[in-house]
Amino acid sequence: MKTQAVPALMLQGTGSDVGKSLLVAGLCRAFSRRGLRVRPFKPQNMSNNAAVTDDGGEIGRAQALQARAAGVPTSVHMNPVLLKPQSDIGAQVVVQGKVLTSAKARDYYRLKRDLLPKVIDSFEVMAADADLVLVEGAGSPAEVNLRASDIANMGFAEAAKVPVILVGDIDRGGVIASIVGTHALLSDGDRTWLKGYVINKFRGDVSLFETATDIIEKTCDLKSYGIATYWPGAQKLPAEDGVALEKAGKYQRADLNGARAIIRIAVPHLPRIANFDDLDPLAAEDDVELLVIKPGQVIPADCDLVLLPGSKSTMADLRFLKEQGWDIDIIAHHRRGGRVMGICGGYQMLGRVVHDPDGVEGEPGSEVALGLLDVETVMAGNKHLSKIDGATINPAGDGSAYLAADIPVTGYEIHMGRTDGPDRARSWLDLEGAPDGAISSDGLVMGCYLHGLFGSDAFRHAFLATISSSDRTANTQFEAGVDAALDELADHLEACLDLDGMLELAKSRGK
């Protein structure tokens, strides 16, 4: 079979969040710049940050970033199994881009034994048009209690006969133990696929790690493929999942060149927050301070805008928002003349009520929402997935629109439910001929279903100018900045890692 000869290399981690996703993205860009046809692949991902693919399904946003780094269209086969945590019904299971079912952890453990053929099928689709496939593992192969049904790490490596490099995060401490311990826990059969390791996020004098390299080689007989020193540019690229929001400093800045930000935007951190990379373009603006409000904190009274993000479980997150008292904060902010905006699930929360008659998100029922938009949402029908272009609408003559008409936007929709009501008469987006969004009668509240719209530079600059036009310099080019950051990351890895050795290892697949 042709795909058996296609070079492939898998990066697995000593744990979650060790930097595998960014390493694969950087390697995708580096090897594609060498003229190779590179494809990213992740057998199984767990994330509520999803991307709509060019072939009409959904994958983890990390694989979408990796595809962008490789300069290729996105495909459902880049991430054939995507788990999207919900509420009491467990996780939504997306297979090759489409929702298969929802399952609790134990049910999925039984189900995934049957998903390996789908995973291998998708891998072969990717390999068929590639010179190199770069595979990202999930979690850690050290979770040997789950090995019997594994499709994400050594189970996949064995099935596809792909050599593995183990990634250890030195920032966490104990990196020698994490590598040696992982090696020790693996079975003899799985150790045959593990060929080397990379140390990630190293700070300081790299020469101080030389003796550690000797220890690992002596103990495990694993080759070092280099030490990736800490790269501060990681903040410029979208994060894979909500773990990034738990880290201090993801968005918050103590000051901006010694001055108070011109615009302060508060974002409640919902437990099932989804597609929060919508926030990245806003945070990239020099005059914006983006505050992620954690549970137990109060939404600041002096913020200019409260932005409600997407959610994988609107009703559960709406209940959580009210339990935190954020509904009171948001309503008070609105009464003071403050602006409120919601995207997707956040848009649904701004209405009067959210209905779930069929139990799409859990137990059937309804939940009273914030009442800031005169609309209601019904959770029903199939999931809507589309990449889409459009432009702003200026509702004529009602005085409630902030934006001029015909400002271009681009993004994607990925949601369940239909939203309708009187405020939909003030739709403010035209998405390929279909109106979207709503604006309140006082003009202070607006919502829509379009993710990614803040990545459109013209829209973002125009929107922020409606909040504060004083002393703004609208010159940030967000998407260009992402590509520049990917080039910087590739340059960084070329300098730190043995990419020639990695490529030779990938070519040894199946030998």
Protein backbone atom coordinates (compact mmCIF):
# COMPACT_ATOMS: atom_id res chain seq x y z
CA MET A 1 0.00 0.00 0.00
CA LYS A 2 1.34 3.41 -0.97
CA THR A 3 0.75 5.01 2.42
CA GLN A 4 3.01 2.47 4.17
CA ALA A 5 6.05 4.18 2.67
CA VAL A 6 5.03 7.75 3.51
CA PRO A 7 7.34 9.22 6.17
CA ALA A 8 5.58 10.03 9.42
CA LEU A 9 6.65 11.08 12.89
CA MET A 10 4.60 11.25 16.08
CA LEU A 11 5.15 13.63 19.00
CA GLN A 12 3.76 12.31 22.27
CA GLY A 13 4.00 14.06 25.62
CA THR A 14 4.96 13.16 29.15
CA GLY A 15 1.68 14.86 30.05
CA SER A 16 -0.97 17.25 28.78
CA ASP A 17 -0.06 20.82 27.87
CA VAL A 18 3.66 20.17 27.39
CA GLY A 19 3.65 22.11 24.12
CA LYS A 20 3.06 19.36 21.56
CA SER A 21 0.58 21.38 19.52
CA LEU A 22 2.87 24.34 18.98
CA LEU A 23 5.86 22.10 18.30
CA VAL A 24 3.91 20.31 15.57
CA ALA A 25 2.74 23.66 14.15
CA GLY A 26 6.32 24.96 14.07
CA LEU A 27 7.59 21.76 12.46
CA CYS A 28 4.79 21.91 9.88
CA ARG A 29 5.93 25.39 8.87
CA ALA A 30 9.64 24.48 8.97
CA PHE A 31 9.35 21.34 6.84
CA SER A 32 6.89 22.92 4.40
CA ARG A 33 9.41 25.73 3.84
CA ARG A 34 11.85 23.01 2.79
CA GLY A 35 9.49 22.15 -0.04
CA LEU A 36 7.81 19.12 1.54
CA ARG A 37 4.08 18.43 1.34
CA VAL A 38 3.33 18.27 5.07
CA ARG A 39 0.07 17.19 6.68
CA PRO A 40 -0.76 17.44 10.41
CA PHE A 41 -2.68 14.66 12.12
CA LYS A 42 -4.06 14.07 15.60
CA PRO A 43 -5.96 10.79 16.12
CA GLN A 44 -7.99 12.00 19.08
CA ASN A 45 -8.41 15.44 20.56
CA MET A 46 -10.41 16.77 23.50
CA SER A 47 -11.22 20.44 23.13
CA ASN A 48 -14.12 22.84 22.85
CA ASN A 49 -12.01 25.03 20.57
CA ALA A 50 -13.12 23.72 17.21
CA ALA A 51 -12.61 24.84 13.63
CA VAL A 52 -14.89 24.39 10.63
CA THR A 53 -12.94 22.61 7.90
CA ASP A 54 -12.76 23.30 4.19
CA ASP A 55 -14.54 19.99 3.58
CA GLY A 56 -17.47 20.91 5.81
CA GLY A 57 -16.84 19.25 9.18
CA GLU A 58 -15.08 20.21 12.41
CA ILE A 59 -11.69 19.51 13.97
CA GLY A 60 -9.69 20.84 16.91
CA ARG A 61 -8.40 24.37 16.33
CA ALA A 62 -4.85 23.19 17.01
CA GLN A 63 -4.98 21.06 13.88
CA ALA A 64 -6.43 24.00 11.93
CA LEU A 65 -3.44 26.08 13.03
CA GLN A 66 -1.08 23.26 12.04
CA ALA A 67 -2.72 23.05 8.61
CA ARG A 68 -2.26 26.79 8.24
CA ALA A 69 1.39 26.38 9.20
CA ALA A 70 1.76 23.71 6.52
CA GLY A 71 -0.02 25.88 3.96
CA VAL A 72 -2.76 23.33 3.19
CA PRO A 73 -6.58 23.32 3.41
CA THR A 74 -8.14 21.92 6.56
CA SER A 75 -9.75 18.48 6.46
CA VAL A 76 -11.85 16.42 8.84
CA HIS A 77 -9.23 13.69 8.45
CA MET A 78 -6.61 15.78 10.26
CA ASN A 79 -8.42 15.07 13.54
CA PRO A 80 -10.78 12.12 13.04
CA VAL A 81 -11.95 11.90 16.67
CA LEU A 82 -12.81 15.11 18.51
CA LEU A 83 -14.30 15.02 22.01
CA LYS A 84 -16.15 18.18 23.09
CA PRO A 85 -16.92 18.22 26.84
CA GLN A 86 -20.51 19.18 27.59
CA SER A 87 -22.42 18.99 30.88
CA ASP A 88 -24.17 16.10 32.54
CA ILE A 89 -24.38 14.13 29.28
CA GLY A 90 -20.60 13.84 29.08
CA ALA A 91 -18.76 14.71 25.87
CA GLN A 92 -19.96 15.09 22.33
CA VAL A 93 -18.10 12.61 20.12
CA VAL A 94 -17.27 13.97 16.66
CA VAL A 95 -15.95 11.38 14.18
CA GLN A 96 -14.48 12.49 10.86
CA GLY A 97 -16.06 15.88 11.28
CA LYS A 98 -19.62 14.87 12.19
CA VAL A 99 -21.34 14.30 15.53
CA LEU A 100 -21.63 10.57 16.24
CA THR A 101 -23.07 10.59 19.74
CA SER A 102 -22.67 11.94 23.26
CA ALA A 103 -21.06 9.69 25.83
CA LYS A 104 -19.85 9.67 29.41
CA ALA A 105 -16.24 8.70 30.07
CA ARG A 106 -16.89 4.99 30.73
CA ASP A 107 -19.16 4.68 27.70
CA TYR A 108 -16.58 6.34 25.48
CA TYR A 109 -13.87 4.02 26.81
CA ARG A 110 -15.91 1.12 25.39
CA LEU A 111 -16.83 2.99 22.21
CA LYS A 112 -13.35 4.06 21.17
CA ARG A 113 -12.20 0.47 20.62
CA ASP A 114 -14.36 0.59 17.50
CA LEU A 115 -12.96 3.93 16.29
CA LEU A 116 -9.42 2.83 15.45
CA PRO A 117 -10.36 1.78 11.87
CA LYS A 118 -11.77 5.26 11.28
CA VAL A 119 -8.59 6.80 12.67
CA ILE A 120 -6.37 4.69 10.42
CA ASP A 121 -8.61 5.44 7.44
CA SER A 122 -8.19 9.18 8.04
CA PHE A 123 -4.44 8.81 8.49
CA GLU A 124 -4.21 7.04 5.15
CA VAL A 125 -6.20 9.84 3.50
CA MET A 126 -3.70 12.37 4.86
CA ALA A 127 -0.67 10.26 3.95
CA ALA A 128 -1.86 9.68 0.40
CA ASP A 129 -1.09 13.27 -0.56
CA ALA A 130 1.92 13.95 1.66
CA ASP A 131 5.68 13.75 1.78
CA LEU A 132 5.55 13.90 5.57
CA VAL A 133 2.80 13.44 8.17
CA LEU A 134 3.40 15.00 11.59
CA VAL A 135 1.26 13.31 14.23
CA GLU A 136 0.37 14.77 17.62
CA GLY A 137 -0.50 12.51 20.53
CA ALA A 138 -2.97 13.35 23.30
CA GLY A 139 -2.30 13.38 27.01
CA SER A 140 0.45 10.87 27.75
CA PRO A 141 1.33 7.29 26.85
CA ALA A 142 2.17 6.86 30.54
CA GLU A 143 -1.57 6.40 31.17
CA VAL A 144 -1.00 2.68 30.72
CA ASN A 145 -4.23 1.85 32.56
CA LEU A 146 -6.00 3.02 29.38
CA ARG A 147 -3.66 1.30 26.93
CA ALA A 148 -6.00 -1.54 25.97
CA SER A 149 -8.31 0.77 24.02
CA ASP A 150 -5.83 3.52 23.21
CA ILE A 151 -6.17 5.26 19.84
CA ALA A 152 -4.39 8.51 20.72
CA ASN A 153 -0.82 7.50 21.57
CA MET A 154 0.93 4.11 21.40
CA GLY A 155 -2.20 2.37 20.19
CA PHE A 156 -2.08 4.53 17.09
CA ALA A 157 1.73 4.37 16.76
CA GLU A 158 1.58 0.58 16.76
CA ALA A 159 -1.32 0.39 14.31
CA ALA A 160 0.23 2.85 11.84
CA LYS A 161 3.86 1.85 12.52
CA VAL A 162 4.94 5.42 13.26
CA PRO A 163 8.12 6.25 15.25
CA VAL A 164 7.61 8.40 18.33
CA ILE A 165 9.49 11.28 19.94
CA LEU A 166 8.56 12.04 23.54
CA VAL A 167 8.16 15.71 24.57
CA GLY A 168 8.95 16.74 28.15
CA ASP A 169 8.13 20.15 29.64
CA ILE A 170 11.01 21.34 31.81
CA ASP A 171 8.93 24.29 33.06
CA ARG A 172 7.02 21.86 35.27
CA GLY A 173 10.11 20.46 36.95
CA GLY A 174 11.09 16.82 37.17
CA VAL A 175 11.55 16.46 33.43
CA ILE A 176 14.15 13.68 33.74
CA ALA A 177 11.79 11.66 35.91
CA SER A 178 8.89 12.28 33.56
CA ILE A 179 10.82 10.93 30.56
CA VAL A 180 12.45 8.03 32.39
CA GLY A 181 9.20 7.22 34.19
CA THR A 182 7.18 7.20 30.98
CA HIS A 183 9.74 4.89 29.36
CA ALA A 184 9.66 2.57 32.37
CA LEU A 185 5.86 2.29 32.34
CA LEU A 186 5.62 1.36 28.68
CA SER A 187 5.45 -2.26 27.64
CA ASP A 188 8.36 -3.75 25.72
CA GLY A 189 6.25 -3.63 22.58
CA ASP A 190 5.43 0.06 22.95
CA ARG A 191 9.04 0.93 23.70
CA THR A 192 9.97 -0.26 20.23
CA TRP A 193 8.13 2.78 18.78
CA LEU A 194 9.72 5.28 21.17
CA LYS A 195 12.92 6.47 19.51
CA GLY A 196 13.89 9.73 21.17
CA TYR A 197 12.85 12.81 23.09
CA VAL A 198 12.74 16.61 23.03
CA ILE A 199 12.96 18.92 26.03
CA ASN A 200 10.58 21.86 25.69
CA LYS A 201 10.35 25.36 27.25
CA PHE A 202 13.94 25.41 28.56
CA ARG A 203 15.07 28.67 30.19
CA GLY A 204 18.67 29.57 30.94
CA ASP A 205 21.96 27.91 30.03
CA VAL A 206 21.30 24.84 27.86
CA SER A 207 24.76 23.43 28.62
CA LEU A 208 23.59 22.75 32.18
CA PHE A 209 21.36 19.98 30.80
CA GLU A 210 24.18 18.01 29.19
CA THR A 211 24.61 15.62 32.12
CA ALA A 212 20.84 15.05 32.16
CA THR A 213 21.02 14.03 28.51
CA ASP A 214 23.64 11.45 29.43
CA ILE A 215 21.43 10.10 32.22
CA ILE A 216 18.41 9.72 29.92
CA GLU A 217 20.46 8.03 27.20
CA LYS A 218 22.07 5.64 29.67
CA THR A 219 18.78 4.80 31.40
CA CYS A 220 16.44 4.64 28.41
CA ASP A 221 18.66 4.41 25.33
CA LEU A 222 16.72 7.31 23.79
CA LYS A 223 18.24 9.82 21.42
CA SER A 224 17.95 13.55 22.11
CA TYR A 225 16.51 15.50 19.20
CA GLY A 226 17.27 18.78 20.89
CA ILE A 227 16.21 21.26 23.53
CA ALA A 228 13.57 23.79 22.54
CA THR A 229 14.29 26.89 24.57
CA TYR A 230 11.42 28.99 25.87
CA TRP A 231 9.75 30.91 23.05
CA PRO A 232 7.79 33.98 24.22
CA GLY A 233 5.93 34.23 20.92
CA ALA A 234 3.57 31.44 21.98
CA GLN A 235 1.16 34.11 23.22
CA LYS A 236 0.73 35.30 19.61
CA LEU A 237 -0.80 32.00 18.50
CA PRO A 238 -4.20 30.48 19.33
CA ALA A 239 -4.20 28.11 22.28
CA GLU A 240 -5.50 24.56 21.90
CA ASP A 241 -7.92 24.49 24.81
CA GLY A 242 -9.13 26.16 27.99
CA VAL A 243 -6.02 25.22 29.97
CA ALA A 244 -4.43 28.38 28.57
CA LEU A 245 -7.08 30.55 30.21
CA GLU A 246 -6.16 29.13 33.61
CA LYS A 247 -2.67 30.58 33.27
CA ALA A 248 -2.07 34.03 34.62
CA GLY A 249 -1.06 36.41 31.88
CA LYS A 250 -2.69 34.70 28.90
CA TYR A 251 -4.47 37.95 28.13
CA GLN A 252 -4.10 40.20 31.14
CA ARG A 253 -1.46 42.90 31.17
CA ALA A 254 -0.41 44.92 34.20
CA ASP A 255 -0.11 48.07 32.08
CA LEU A 256 0.32 49.20 28.52
CA ASN A 257 3.47 51.32 28.25
CA GLY A 258 2.74 52.71 31.68
CA ALA A 259 -0.72 54.01 30.78
CA ARG A 260 -4.24 52.77 31.42
CA ALA A 261 -5.78 50.95 28.49
CA ILE A 262 -8.13 53.08 26.44
CA ILE A 263 -10.59 50.18 26.17
CA ARG A 264 -11.26 47.58 28.88
CA ILE A 265 -13.13 44.42 27.87
CA ALA A 266 -14.35 41.95 30.50
CA VAL A 267 -14.97 38.31 29.56
CA PRO A 268 -16.58 35.94 32.11
CA HIS A 269 -14.67 32.65 32.16
CA LEU A 270 -17.43 30.11 31.64
CA PRO A 271 -16.69 26.46 32.55
CA ARG A 272 -17.52 25.23 29.04
CA ILE A 273 -16.13 28.20 27.15
CA ALA A 274 -15.73 27.38 23.47
CA ASN A 275 -13.72 28.92 20.65
CA PHE A 276 -12.20 31.50 22.96
CA ASP A 277 -9.57 32.32 20.35
CA ASP A 278 -12.24 34.83 19.27
CA LEU A 279 -10.57 36.96 21.96
CA ASP A 280 -7.04 36.83 20.57
CA PRO A 281 -7.39 39.63 18.00
CA LEU A 282 -8.80 41.96 20.65
CA ALA A 283 -5.99 41.16 23.06
CA ALA A 284 -3.45 41.87 20.31
CA GLU A 285 -4.51 45.55 20.17
CA ASP A 286 -2.13 47.81 22.10
CA ASP A 287 -4.92 49.95 23.55
CA VAL A 288 -7.12 47.06 24.72
CA GLU A 289 -6.97 45.42 28.13
CA LEU A 290 -8.82 42.12 28.03
CA LEU A 291 -9.82 40.88 31.48
CA VAL A 292 -10.81 37.23 31.86
CA ILE A 293 -13.07 37.22 34.91
CA LYS A 294 -12.58 34.07 36.97
CA PRO A 295 -15.19 32.45 39.24
CA GLY A 296 -15.49 34.38 42.48
CA GLN A 297 -14.45 37.66 40.86
CA VAL A 298 -16.72 40.61 40.12
CA ILE A 299 -17.03 42.08 36.66
CA PRO A 300 -15.34 45.51 37.00
CA ALA A 301 -17.69 48.46 37.03
CA ASP A 302 -15.29 50.52 34.91
CA CYS A 303 -15.08 48.14 31.93
CA ASP A 304 -16.22 49.47 28.58
CA LEU A 305 -17.57 46.22 27.17
CA VAL A 306 -18.73 42.90 28.60
CA LEU A 307 -18.17 40.17 26.01
CA LEU A 308 -19.93 36.84 26.46
CA PRO A 309 -18.01 34.15 24.52
CA GLY A 310 -19.12 30.90 22.94
CA SER A 311 -20.13 27.93 25.04
CA LYS A 312 -20.36 24.19 24.43
CA SER A 313 -23.31 24.04 26.81
CA THR A 314 -25.26 27.29 26.82
CA MET A 315 -27.82 26.37 29.46
CA ALA A 316 -25.31 24.96 31.94
CA ASP A 317 -23.00 27.96 31.51
CA LEU A 318 -25.95 30.34 31.80
CA ARG A 319 -26.84 28.76 35.13
CA PHE A 320 -23.21 29.05 36.23
CA LEU A 321 -23.12 32.71 35.18
CA LYS A 322 -26.13 33.42 37.38
CA GLU A 323 -24.70 31.42 40.29
CA GLN A 324 -21.62 33.66 40.18
CA GLY A 325 -23.78 36.79 40.28
CA TRP A 326 -22.40 37.88 36.93
CA ASP A 327 -25.94 38.41 35.63
CA ILE A 328 -26.36 41.18 38.23
CA ASP A 329 -23.00 42.69 37.25
CA ILE A 330 -23.87 42.63 33.54
CA ILE A 331 -27.33 44.13 34.00
CA ALA A 332 -25.88 46.88 36.23
CA HIS A 333 -23.20 47.54 33.61
CA HIS A 334 -25.91 47.91 30.97
CA ARG A 335 -27.98 50.26 33.17
CA ARG A 336 -24.90 52.51 33.50
CA GLY A 337 -24.82 52.77 29.73
CA GLY A 338 -22.22 50.04 29.24
CA ARG A 339 -21.91 47.95 26.11
CA VAL A 340 -22.57 44.18 26.01
CA MET A 341 -21.84 41.75 23.19
CA GLY A 342 -22.39 38.01 22.82
CA ILE A 343 -21.00 35.54 20.30
CA CYS A 344 -22.78 32.25 19.59
CA GLY A 345 -23.61 30.77 23.02
CA GLY A 346 -23.05 34.20 24.54
CA TYR A 347 -25.56 35.61 22.06
CA GLN A 348 -28.12 33.02 23.16
CA MET A 349 -27.57 34.00 26.81
CA LEU A 350 -28.39 37.65 26.06
CA GLY A 351 -31.98 36.79 25.08
CA ARG A 352 -35.06 36.25 27.24
CA VAL A 353 -35.07 32.45 27.44
CA VAL A 354 -33.14 29.46 26.14
CA HIS A 355 -35.34 26.41 25.46
CA ASP A 356 -34.08 22.84 25.10
CA PRO A 357 -37.26 20.79 24.55
CA ASP A 358 -35.43 17.75 23.19
CA GLY A 359 -32.62 17.60 25.73
CA VAL A 360 -29.89 18.46 23.24
CA GLU A 361 -27.62 19.71 26.04
CA GLY A 362 -28.92 17.57 28.92
CA GLU A 363 -32.27 17.32 30.65
CA PRO A 364 -35.09 18.91 28.61
CA GLY A 365 -36.24 22.28 29.89
CA SER A 366 -35.87 26.04 29.65
CA GLU A 367 -33.60 28.57 31.35
CA VAL A 368 -34.37 32.23 31.86
CA ALA A 369 -31.61 34.26 30.24
CA LEU A 370 -30.35 37.82 30.77
CA GLY A 371 -33.18 39.56 28.92
CA LEU A 372 -30.93 42.16 27.32
CA LEU A 373 -32.02 41.20 23.80
CA ASP A 374 -35.65 40.67 22.81
CA VAL A 375 -35.02 37.22 21.33
CA GLU A 376 -35.43 33.59 22.37
CA THR A 377 -33.40 30.54 21.43
CA VAL A 378 -34.61 26.99 20.83
CA MET A 379 -32.01 24.21 20.89
CA ALA A 380 -33.12 21.98 18.04
CA GLY A 381 -32.08 20.65 14.69
CA ASN A 382 -28.70 19.59 13.40
CA LYS A 383 -25.47 21.35 14.24
CA HIS A 384 -24.82 24.22 11.85
CA LEU A 385 -21.28 24.21 10.42
CA SER A 386 -20.03 26.67 7.82
CA LYS A 387 -17.10 28.88 6.89
CA ILE A 388 -18.58 32.11 5.71
CA ASP A 389 -17.88 35.63 4.45
CA GLY A 390 -20.10 38.63 4.83
CA ALA A 391 -20.37 42.30 5.69
CA THR A 392 -21.97 44.55 8.28
CA ILE A 393 -25.48 45.92 7.93
CA ASN A 394 -26.51 49.33 9.20
CA PRO A 395 -30.21 49.05 10.13
CA ALA A 396 -31.56 52.17 8.43
CA GLY A 397 -32.99 55.01 10.44
CA ASP A 398 -33.34 53.46 13.88
CA GLY A 399 -30.24 55.05 15.44
CA SER A 400 -29.12 51.83 17.07
CA ALA A 401 -26.37 50.69 14.72
CA TYR A 402 -22.80 51.49 15.61
CA LEU A 403 -21.11 50.33 12.45
CA ALA A 404 -21.22 51.56 8.92
CA ALA A 405 -22.56 49.15 6.33
CA ASP A 406 -20.41 46.98 4.11
CA ILE A 407 -17.45 46.44 6.43
CA PRO A 408 -16.17 42.99 5.36
CA VAL A 409 -16.09 40.11 7.84
CA THR A 410 -15.06 36.50 7.60
CA GLY A 411 -15.45 33.65 10.06
CA TYR A 412 -17.39 30.50 10.75
CA GLU A 413 -20.56 29.28 12.39
CA ILE A 414 -20.63 26.20 14.60
CA HIS A 415 -23.73 25.97 16.76
CA MET A 416 -26.97 24.27 17.68
CA GLY A 417 -30.21 26.19 18.01
CA ARG A 418 -32.27 28.90 16.34
CA THR A 419 -32.61 32.43 17.70
CA ASP A 420 -35.49 34.74 16.80
CA GLY A 421 -37.50 37.66 18.15
CA PRO A 422 -38.21 41.39 17.63
CA ASP A 423 -34.58 42.47 17.97
CA ARG A 424 -33.68 40.28 15.00
CA ALA A 425 -35.27 43.06 12.93
CA ARG A 426 -32.03 44.90 13.70
CA SER A 427 -29.70 42.25 12.28
CA TRP A 428 -26.24 43.73 11.81
CA LEU A 429 -24.51 41.13 9.64
CA ASP A 430 -25.21 39.92 6.12
CA LEU A 431 -23.63 36.48 5.80
CA GLU A 432 -23.79 35.56 2.12
CA GLY A 433 -27.33 36.86 1.83
CA ALA A 434 -28.61 35.65 5.22
CA PRO A 435 -29.10 38.23 8.01
CA ASP A 436 -27.50 37.39 11.36
CA GLY A 437 -27.41 38.95 14.79
CA ALA A 438 -29.54 41.34 16.78
CA ILE A 439 -29.18 44.77 18.39
CA SER A 440 -31.23 45.96 21.36
CA SER A 441 -33.60 48.90 21.03
CA ASP A 442 -31.28 51.13 23.09
CA GLY A 443 -28.33 50.17 20.88
CA LEU A 444 -26.14 49.01 23.76
CA VAL A 445 -26.43 45.22 23.34
CA MET A 446 -25.58 43.17 20.29
CA GLY A 447 -25.04 39.51 19.50
CA CYS A 448 -24.38 37.19 16.57
CA TYR A 449 -23.44 33.61 15.69
CA LEU A 450 -20.28 34.42 13.71
CA HIS A 451 -17.06 33.20 15.32
CA GLY A 452 -13.81 34.72 14.13
CA LEU A 453 -15.23 38.09 13.11
CA PHE A 454 -12.71 39.99 15.27
CA GLY A 455 -9.96 38.49 13.14
CA SER A 456 -11.22 40.73 10.31
CA ASP A 457 -9.02 43.79 10.79
CA ALA A 458 -11.40 46.35 9.28
CA PHE A 459 -14.32 45.16 11.40
CA ARG A 460 -12.27 44.99 14.62
CA HIS A 461 -10.88 48.48 14.16
CA ALA A 462 -14.30 49.93 13.32
CA PHE A 463 -15.95 48.17 16.26
CA LEU A 464 -13.35 49.35 18.76
CA ALA A 465 -13.61 52.88 17.40
CA THR A 466 -17.29 52.91 18.38
CA ILE A 467 -16.23 52.32 21.98
CA SER A 468 -13.40 54.85 22.04
CA SER A 469 -12.05 56.79 19.09
CA SER A 470 -9.68 58.96 21.12
CA ASP A 471 -5.97 58.41 20.49
CA ARG A 472 -6.54 55.05 18.78
CA THR A 473 -4.06 53.78 16.22
CA ALA A 474 -5.82 51.11 14.16
CA ASN A 475 -2.83 49.44 12.59
CA THR A 476 -2.78 45.91 14.02
CA GLN A 477 -2.94 43.29 11.27
CA PHE A 478 -3.92 40.19 13.21
CA GLU A 479 -3.92 37.43 10.60
CA ALA A 480 -0.62 38.65 9.15
CA GLY A 481 0.74 38.58 12.68
CA VAL A 482 -0.24 34.91 13.09
CA ASP A 483 1.66 33.94 9.95
CA ALA A 484 4.66 35.98 11.05
CA ALA A 485 4.58 34.19 14.42
CA LEU A 486 4.52 30.79 12.70
CA ASP A 487 7.60 31.78 10.73
CA GLU A 488 9.31 32.91 13.94
CA LEU A 489 8.43 29.59 15.58
CA ALA A 490 9.82 27.64 12.62
CA ASP A 491 13.04 29.67 12.76
CA HIS A 492 13.27 28.99 16.49
CA LEU A 493 12.88 25.23 16.09
CA GLU A 494 15.36 25.12 13.21
CA ALA A 495 17.90 26.65 15.59
CA CYS A 496 17.06 24.45 18.60
CA LEU A 497 16.15 21.01 17.29
CA ASP A 498 17.67 18.38 15.04
CA LEU A 499 15.17 18.66 12.19
CA ASP A 500 17.38 16.69 9.81
CA GLY A 501 17.48 13.85 12.32
CA MET A 502 13.70 14.04 12.78
CA LEU A 503 13.15 13.78 9.05
CA GLU A 504 15.41 10.75 8.82
CA LEU A 505 13.52 9.16 11.69
CA ALA A 506 10.22 9.83 9.90
CA LYS A 507 11.63 8.15 6.78
CA SER A 508 12.42 5.03 8.82
CA ARG A 509 8.68 4.37 9.32
CA GLY A 510 7.82 0.77 8.62
CA LYS A 511 11.44 -0.36 8.27
